[in-house]
N, C-alpha and C. Protein backbone atom coordinates (compact mmCIF):
# COMPACT_ATOMS: atom_id res chain seq x y z
N MET A 1 0.82 -1.19 0.00
CA MET A 1 0.00 0.00 0.00
C MET A 1 0.88 1.26 0.00
N ARG A 2 1.94 1.22 0.81
CA ARG A 2 2.83 2.37 0.90
C ARG A 2 3.47 2.67 -0.45
N SER A 3 3.91 1.62 -1.17
CA SER A 3 4.55 1.83 -2.46
C SER A 3 3.60 2.41 -3.49
N ILE A 4 2.32 2.01 -3.42
CA ILE A 4 1.34 2.56 -4.36
C ILE A 4 1.11 4.03 -4.06
N LEU A 5 1.04 4.36 -2.80
CA LEU A 5 0.85 5.74 -2.40
C LEU A 5 2.05 6.61 -2.80
N LEU A 6 3.25 6.08 -2.61
CA LEU A 6 4.47 6.79 -3.01
C LEU A 6 4.51 7.01 -4.52
N ALA A 7 4.18 5.97 -5.29
CA ALA A 7 4.15 6.09 -6.74
C ALA A 7 3.13 7.13 -7.19
N THR A 8 2.00 7.19 -6.53
CA THR A 8 0.96 8.16 -6.88
C THR A 8 1.46 9.59 -6.65
N PHE A 9 2.14 9.82 -5.53
CA PHE A 9 2.67 11.15 -5.25
C PHE A 9 3.76 11.55 -6.24
N LEU A 10 4.59 10.59 -6.61
CA LEU A 10 5.67 10.87 -7.58
C LEU A 10 5.10 11.23 -8.94
N LEU A 11 4.10 10.47 -9.38
CA LEU A 11 3.48 10.76 -10.68
C LEU A 11 2.71 12.07 -10.66
N ALA A 12 2.14 12.39 -9.53
CA ALA A 12 1.37 13.64 -9.42
C ALA A 12 2.29 14.85 -9.57
N GLY A 13 3.55 14.68 -9.18
CA GLY A 13 4.51 15.78 -9.29
C GLY A 13 5.05 16.00 -10.69
N CYS A 14 4.81 15.04 -11.57
CA CYS A 14 5.31 15.16 -12.95
C CYS A 14 4.39 16.03 -13.76
N ASN A 15 4.97 16.86 -14.60
CA ASN A 15 4.18 17.72 -15.47
C ASN A 15 4.41 17.27 -16.90
N PHE A 16 3.41 16.72 -17.50
CA PHE A 16 3.54 16.20 -18.85
C PHE A 16 3.06 17.19 -19.90
N ALA A 17 2.85 18.43 -19.51
CA ALA A 17 2.38 19.44 -20.46
C ALA A 17 3.48 19.76 -21.46
N THR A 18 3.07 20.07 -22.67
CA THR A 18 4.01 20.44 -23.72
C THR A 18 4.39 21.90 -23.56
N VAL A 19 5.69 22.15 -23.59
CA VAL A 19 6.18 23.52 -23.48
C VAL A 19 6.46 24.03 -24.88
N GLU A 20 5.85 25.15 -25.20
CA GLU A 20 6.08 25.73 -26.51
C GLU A 20 7.14 26.82 -26.40
N SER A 21 7.96 26.88 -27.41
CA SER A 21 9.02 27.88 -27.42
C SER A 21 8.70 28.95 -28.44
N ASN A 22 8.96 30.20 -28.11
CA ASN A 22 8.75 31.26 -29.09
C ASN A 22 10.07 31.68 -29.72
N VAL A 23 11.11 30.82 -29.61
CA VAL A 23 12.37 31.06 -30.29
C VAL A 23 12.22 30.55 -31.71
N GLN A 24 12.48 31.40 -32.68
CA GLN A 24 12.34 31.01 -34.07
C GLN A 24 13.71 30.76 -34.67
N THR A 25 13.83 29.65 -35.39
CA THR A 25 15.07 29.33 -36.07
C THR A 25 15.07 30.05 -37.41
N PRO A 26 16.11 30.83 -37.70
CA PRO A 26 16.13 31.56 -38.98
C PRO A 26 16.30 30.61 -40.16
N ASP A 27 15.78 31.04 -41.26
CA ASP A 27 15.90 30.29 -42.50
C ASP A 27 17.35 30.37 -42.99
N ALA A 28 17.85 29.32 -43.64
CA ALA A 28 19.22 29.32 -44.14
C ALA A 28 19.43 30.44 -45.15
N GLN A 29 18.39 30.79 -45.90
CA GLN A 29 18.53 31.86 -46.88
C GLN A 29 18.61 33.24 -46.22
N GLU A 30 18.06 33.35 -45.00
CA GLU A 30 18.09 34.63 -44.31
C GLU A 30 19.46 34.92 -43.71
N THR A 31 20.18 33.88 -43.25
CA THR A 31 21.47 34.08 -42.60
C THR A 31 22.50 33.10 -43.12
N PRO A 32 23.00 33.30 -44.33
CA PRO A 32 23.99 32.35 -44.87
C PRO A 32 25.29 32.34 -44.08
N GLU A 33 25.65 33.44 -43.41
CA GLU A 33 26.87 33.47 -42.64
C GLU A 33 26.82 32.52 -41.44
N ALA A 34 25.62 32.23 -40.95
CA ALA A 34 25.50 31.32 -39.82
C ALA A 34 25.86 29.89 -40.23
N LEU A 35 25.72 29.58 -41.49
CA LEU A 35 26.01 28.24 -41.96
C LEU A 35 27.44 28.08 -42.48
N ALA A 36 28.13 29.18 -42.67
CA ALA A 36 29.50 29.12 -43.17
C ALA A 36 30.43 28.64 -42.06
N PRO A 37 31.40 27.78 -42.40
CA PRO A 37 32.33 27.33 -41.37
C PRO A 37 33.18 28.50 -40.88
N SER A 38 33.44 28.52 -39.60
CA SER A 38 34.28 29.58 -39.05
C SER A 38 35.64 28.99 -38.69
N ALA A 39 36.63 29.85 -38.57
CA ALA A 39 37.98 29.40 -38.27
C ALA A 39 37.99 28.65 -36.94
N ARG A 40 38.76 27.58 -36.92
CA ARG A 40 38.91 26.80 -35.69
C ARG A 40 40.40 26.57 -35.47
N GLY A 41 40.90 27.07 -34.37
CA GLY A 41 42.31 26.92 -34.05
C GLY A 41 42.71 25.47 -33.83
N VAL A 42 43.99 25.18 -34.04
CA VAL A 42 44.53 23.85 -33.84
C VAL A 42 44.84 23.67 -32.35
N ARG A 43 44.37 22.57 -31.77
CA ARG A 43 44.62 22.28 -30.36
C ARG A 43 45.95 21.55 -30.22
N VAL A 44 46.75 21.97 -29.25
CA VAL A 44 48.02 21.31 -28.95
C VAL A 44 47.98 20.83 -27.50
N GLY A 45 48.81 19.85 -27.19
CA GLY A 45 48.88 19.33 -25.83
C GLY A 45 47.82 18.33 -25.47
N GLU A 46 47.14 17.75 -26.45
CA GLU A 46 46.06 16.82 -26.17
C GLU A 46 46.55 15.49 -25.59
N GLY A 47 47.83 15.19 -25.74
CA GLY A 47 48.38 13.95 -25.19
C GLY A 47 48.65 14.01 -23.70
N GLY A 48 48.56 15.19 -23.13
CA GLY A 48 48.80 15.36 -21.71
C GLY A 48 50.22 15.83 -21.43
N PRO A 49 50.53 16.09 -20.17
CA PRO A 49 51.83 16.68 -19.81
C PRO A 49 53.02 15.73 -20.01
N GLY A 50 52.79 14.47 -20.24
CA GLY A 50 53.88 13.53 -20.46
C GLY A 50 54.37 13.47 -21.89
N PHE A 51 53.74 14.22 -22.79
CA PHE A 51 54.07 14.15 -24.22
C PHE A 51 54.27 15.53 -24.81
N ALA A 52 54.92 15.57 -25.96
CA ALA A 52 55.11 16.83 -26.68
C ALA A 52 53.75 17.40 -27.09
N ALA A 53 53.69 18.71 -27.26
CA ALA A 53 52.44 19.38 -27.64
C ALA A 53 51.89 18.81 -28.95
N CYS A 54 52.76 18.52 -29.91
CA CYS A 54 52.37 17.88 -31.17
C CYS A 54 53.21 16.62 -31.30
N GLN A 55 52.57 15.47 -31.27
CA GLN A 55 53.29 14.22 -31.11
C GLN A 55 53.78 13.58 -32.41
N SER A 56 53.19 13.89 -33.54
CA SER A 56 53.55 13.19 -34.78
C SER A 56 54.21 14.12 -35.78
N GLN A 57 55.07 13.56 -36.60
CA GLN A 57 55.67 14.28 -37.72
C GLN A 57 55.08 13.71 -39.01
N ALA A 58 54.99 14.54 -40.03
CA ALA A 58 54.40 14.10 -41.29
C ALA A 58 54.96 14.93 -42.43
N ARG A 59 54.64 14.52 -43.64
CA ARG A 59 54.99 15.26 -44.86
C ARG A 59 53.75 15.35 -45.73
N VAL A 60 53.66 16.44 -46.47
CA VAL A 60 52.56 16.58 -47.43
C VAL A 60 52.81 15.59 -48.55
N ASP A 61 51.83 14.78 -48.81
CA ASP A 61 51.91 13.74 -49.84
C ASP A 61 50.52 13.64 -50.44
N GLY A 62 50.22 14.49 -51.40
CA GLY A 62 48.89 14.62 -51.98
C GLY A 62 48.23 13.31 -52.32
N PRO A 63 46.90 13.32 -52.48
CA PRO A 63 46.17 12.10 -52.78
C PRO A 63 46.62 11.42 -54.06
N GLN A 64 47.21 12.18 -54.97
CA GLN A 64 47.73 11.59 -56.20
C GLN A 64 49.20 11.97 -56.33
N ALA A 65 50.00 11.02 -56.71
CA ALA A 65 51.43 11.29 -56.88
C ALA A 65 51.61 12.39 -57.93
N GLY A 66 52.49 13.32 -57.65
CA GLY A 66 52.77 14.39 -58.60
C GLY A 66 51.76 15.52 -58.57
N ALA A 67 50.81 15.46 -57.61
CA ALA A 67 49.82 16.53 -57.53
C ALA A 67 50.50 17.83 -57.11
N GLY A 68 49.86 18.95 -57.35
CA GLY A 68 50.42 20.25 -56.99
C GLY A 68 50.32 20.50 -55.51
N ALA A 69 50.27 21.76 -55.13
CA ALA A 69 50.21 22.15 -53.74
C ALA A 69 48.89 21.70 -53.10
N VAL A 70 48.94 21.48 -51.80
CA VAL A 70 47.78 21.03 -51.04
C VAL A 70 47.36 22.18 -50.11
N PRO A 71 46.07 22.53 -50.07
CA PRO A 71 45.66 23.66 -49.23
C PRO A 71 45.62 23.30 -47.74
N MET A 72 46.11 24.22 -46.92
CA MET A 72 45.93 24.13 -45.47
C MET A 72 44.86 25.16 -45.14
N LEU A 73 43.79 24.73 -44.50
CA LEU A 73 42.62 25.57 -44.26
C LEU A 73 42.56 26.06 -42.83
N ASP A 74 41.71 27.06 -42.58
CA ASP A 74 41.59 27.60 -41.22
C ASP A 74 40.54 26.88 -40.37
N ALA A 75 39.91 25.85 -40.94
CA ALA A 75 38.93 25.03 -40.21
C ALA A 75 38.85 23.68 -40.92
N PRO A 76 38.42 22.65 -40.21
CA PRO A 76 38.34 21.32 -40.82
C PRO A 76 37.06 21.10 -41.64
N PHE A 77 36.88 21.93 -42.67
CA PHE A 77 35.72 21.85 -43.56
C PHE A 77 36.16 22.14 -44.98
N ASP A 78 35.51 21.53 -45.95
CA ASP A 78 35.86 21.77 -47.34
C ASP A 78 35.69 23.23 -47.75
N GLY A 79 34.74 23.94 -47.19
CA GLY A 79 34.48 25.33 -47.57
C GLY A 79 35.26 26.36 -46.78
N ALA A 80 36.18 25.95 -45.93
CA ALA A 80 36.93 26.89 -45.08
C ALA A 80 37.94 27.68 -45.92
N ALA A 81 38.38 28.79 -45.37
CA ALA A 81 39.34 29.66 -46.06
C ALA A 81 40.74 29.02 -46.05
N MET A 82 41.48 29.22 -47.12
CA MET A 82 42.82 28.68 -47.22
C MET A 82 43.80 29.58 -46.48
N VAL A 83 44.63 28.98 -45.63
CA VAL A 83 45.68 29.70 -44.92
C VAL A 83 46.90 29.81 -45.82
N VAL A 84 47.31 28.68 -46.38
CA VAL A 84 48.49 28.62 -47.25
C VAL A 84 48.39 27.35 -48.10
N ALA A 85 49.02 27.37 -49.26
CA ALA A 85 49.13 26.17 -50.09
C ALA A 85 50.48 25.52 -49.79
N LEU A 86 50.46 24.29 -49.35
CA LEU A 86 51.69 23.59 -48.97
C LEU A 86 52.20 22.75 -50.14
N PRO A 87 53.48 22.87 -50.47
CA PRO A 87 54.04 22.07 -51.56
C PRO A 87 54.23 20.61 -51.15
N GLN A 88 54.28 19.74 -52.13
CA GLN A 88 54.56 18.32 -51.87
C GLN A 88 55.86 18.20 -51.09
N GLY A 89 55.89 17.34 -50.09
CA GLY A 89 57.08 17.11 -49.30
C GLY A 89 57.28 18.05 -48.13
N ALA A 90 56.41 19.06 -47.97
CA ALA A 90 56.55 20.00 -46.85
C ALA A 90 56.41 19.26 -45.53
N ALA A 91 57.27 19.61 -44.57
CA ALA A 91 57.24 18.99 -43.24
C ALA A 91 56.09 19.57 -42.42
N LEU A 92 55.47 18.73 -41.60
CA LEU A 92 54.37 19.13 -40.74
C LEU A 92 54.53 18.50 -39.37
N ARG A 93 53.93 19.11 -38.39
CA ARG A 93 53.77 18.48 -37.08
C ARG A 93 52.27 18.30 -36.86
N VAL A 94 51.84 17.07 -36.63
CA VAL A 94 50.43 16.77 -36.43
C VAL A 94 50.12 16.90 -34.95
N CYS A 95 49.15 17.75 -34.63
CA CYS A 95 48.82 18.04 -33.23
C CYS A 95 47.48 17.47 -32.81
N THR A 96 46.54 17.38 -33.71
CA THR A 96 45.20 16.91 -33.38
C THR A 96 44.54 16.40 -34.65
N ARG A 97 43.36 15.85 -34.50
CA ARG A 97 42.58 15.37 -35.64
C ARG A 97 41.11 15.47 -35.32
N THR A 98 40.28 15.47 -36.35
CA THR A 98 38.84 15.51 -36.12
C THR A 98 38.37 14.11 -35.71
N ILE A 99 37.19 14.04 -35.15
CA ILE A 99 36.66 12.76 -34.67
C ILE A 99 36.54 11.76 -35.82
N ASP A 100 36.16 12.22 -37.00
CA ASP A 100 36.01 11.30 -38.13
C ASP A 100 37.33 10.98 -38.84
N GLN A 101 38.45 11.53 -38.34
CA GLN A 101 39.79 11.27 -38.85
C GLN A 101 40.05 11.82 -40.26
N ARG A 102 39.15 12.64 -40.79
CA ARG A 102 39.33 13.17 -42.14
C ARG A 102 40.26 14.38 -42.19
N TRP A 103 40.43 15.10 -41.08
CA TRP A 103 41.23 16.31 -41.06
C TRP A 103 42.25 16.24 -39.94
N LEU A 104 43.44 16.76 -40.22
CA LEU A 104 44.50 16.82 -39.23
C LEU A 104 44.81 18.28 -38.92
N GLY A 105 44.91 18.59 -37.64
CA GLY A 105 45.33 19.92 -37.20
C GLY A 105 46.85 19.92 -37.14
N VAL A 106 47.49 20.78 -37.92
CA VAL A 106 48.94 20.74 -38.07
C VAL A 106 49.58 22.10 -37.82
N VAL A 107 50.88 22.03 -37.51
CA VAL A 107 51.74 23.22 -37.43
C VAL A 107 52.84 23.01 -38.46
N VAL A 108 53.14 24.06 -39.23
CA VAL A 108 54.17 23.99 -40.27
C VAL A 108 55.45 24.60 -39.72
N PRO A 109 56.47 23.76 -39.43
CA PRO A 109 57.73 24.29 -38.89
C PRO A 109 58.43 25.19 -39.90
N ARG A 110 59.16 26.19 -39.37
CA ARG A 110 59.97 27.08 -40.21
C ARG A 110 61.42 26.92 -39.82
N GLU A 111 62.27 27.05 -40.79
CA GLU A 111 63.72 26.94 -40.58
C GLU A 111 64.18 27.96 -39.54
N GLY A 112 64.88 27.50 -38.52
CA GLY A 112 65.45 28.39 -37.51
C GLY A 112 64.47 28.98 -36.52
N VAL A 113 63.21 28.52 -36.52
CA VAL A 113 62.19 29.04 -35.60
C VAL A 113 61.71 27.92 -34.70
N ASP A 114 61.69 28.16 -33.39
CA ASP A 114 61.14 27.19 -32.46
C ASP A 114 59.64 27.40 -32.41
N CYS A 115 58.90 26.47 -32.98
CA CYS A 115 57.43 26.59 -33.03
C CYS A 115 56.77 26.27 -31.69
N GLY A 116 57.52 25.70 -30.76
CA GLY A 116 56.96 25.38 -29.45
C GLY A 116 56.17 24.10 -29.41
N VAL A 117 56.26 23.26 -30.44
CA VAL A 117 55.45 22.04 -30.48
C VAL A 117 56.14 20.85 -29.83
N ASP A 118 57.40 21.01 -29.43
CA ASP A 118 58.09 19.93 -28.71
C ASP A 118 57.94 20.07 -27.20
N ALA A 119 57.43 21.20 -26.75
CA ALA A 119 57.25 21.44 -25.32
C ALA A 119 56.14 20.57 -24.76
N ARG A 120 56.26 20.28 -23.49
CA ARG A 120 55.21 19.54 -22.78
C ARG A 120 54.30 20.57 -22.12
N LEU A 121 53.01 20.45 -22.36
CA LEU A 121 52.06 21.42 -21.82
C LEU A 121 51.26 20.81 -20.68
N ASP A 122 50.93 21.62 -19.69
CA ASP A 122 50.16 21.11 -18.56
C ASP A 122 48.70 20.84 -18.91
N ARG A 123 48.20 21.51 -19.95
CA ARG A 123 46.81 21.28 -20.39
C ARG A 123 46.69 21.63 -21.87
N PRO A 124 45.71 21.05 -22.56
CA PRO A 124 45.52 21.37 -23.98
C PRO A 124 45.10 22.83 -24.16
N ARG A 125 45.50 23.41 -25.29
CA ARG A 125 45.13 24.79 -25.61
C ARG A 125 45.20 24.98 -27.12
N THR A 126 44.70 26.09 -27.57
CA THR A 126 44.76 26.45 -28.99
C THR A 126 46.16 26.97 -29.29
N TYR A 127 46.75 26.50 -30.38
CA TYR A 127 48.10 26.90 -30.75
C TYR A 127 48.12 28.38 -31.08
N ALA A 128 49.09 29.09 -30.49
CA ALA A 128 49.24 30.53 -30.73
C ALA A 128 50.71 30.87 -30.94
N GLY A 129 51.46 29.91 -31.49
CA GLY A 129 52.90 30.11 -31.67
C GLY A 129 53.25 30.90 -32.91
N PRO A 130 54.54 30.97 -33.18
CA PRO A 130 55.03 31.79 -34.29
C PRO A 130 54.91 31.12 -35.66
N CYS A 131 54.59 29.85 -35.71
CA CYS A 131 54.52 29.13 -36.99
C CYS A 131 53.08 29.05 -37.49
N ALA A 132 52.93 28.85 -38.79
CA ALA A 132 51.60 28.72 -39.38
C ALA A 132 50.94 27.43 -38.91
N SER A 133 49.63 27.50 -38.67
CA SER A 133 48.88 26.31 -38.27
C SER A 133 47.55 26.30 -39.00
N GLY A 134 46.98 25.12 -39.12
CA GLY A 134 45.70 24.99 -39.80
C GLY A 134 45.32 23.53 -39.95
N TRP A 135 44.41 23.29 -40.86
CA TRP A 135 43.84 21.96 -41.06
C TRP A 135 44.12 21.47 -42.47
N ILE A 136 44.50 20.21 -42.58
CA ILE A 136 44.81 19.62 -43.88
C ILE A 136 44.09 18.27 -43.96
N ALA A 137 43.62 17.93 -45.14
CA ALA A 137 42.94 16.65 -45.34
C ALA A 137 43.91 15.51 -45.02
N ALA A 138 43.45 14.55 -44.25
CA ALA A 138 44.31 13.44 -43.81
C ALA A 138 44.83 12.62 -44.98
N ASN A 139 44.09 12.53 -46.06
CA ASN A 139 44.57 11.74 -47.21
C ASN A 139 45.64 12.46 -48.01
N ALA A 140 46.00 13.68 -47.60
CA ALA A 140 47.07 14.43 -48.28
C ALA A 140 48.35 14.43 -47.46
N VAL A 141 48.39 13.60 -46.40
CA VAL A 141 49.51 13.60 -45.48
C VAL A 141 50.03 12.18 -45.30
N ARG A 142 51.37 12.07 -45.20
CA ARG A 142 52.00 10.77 -44.88
C ARG A 142 52.74 10.95 -43.57
N LEU A 143 52.34 10.17 -42.55
CA LEU A 143 53.02 10.24 -41.26
C LEU A 143 54.43 9.69 -41.39
N THR A 144 55.39 10.37 -40.78
CA THR A 144 56.79 9.95 -40.88
C THR A 144 57.40 9.63 -39.53
N GLY A 145 56.76 9.98 -38.46
CA GLY A 145 57.33 9.68 -37.14
C GLY A 145 56.52 10.20 -36.02
């Protein structure tokens, strides 16, 4: 009897009424900028404090042998803005990747410049170093170490 009474009180406290929202979602044609991909910084230090900020080395190796330059974008989307066109064989440091593994967040080392990607970081953060960073399609990269 007690359990039936308790269940009755619990159900009485539930409100099954439908809540209507007066928030209107804009039409895609009204706000095309809302649908455009925005720049997304490359995260470094995702391996934790026991590892370098960017753990892998790679080279640009386009999807087809002999292909021209490969674009490095400011976000992991096909429609994102190009940061720089990387030539075949360009060295990269791979710092992160998208969940679907299609895009790699990379830093492009420069001769004589410490990009800061070998440092061990106490927590992950967005790369803000002196070297160029961005996103490159994973099928345009060959990991080297």
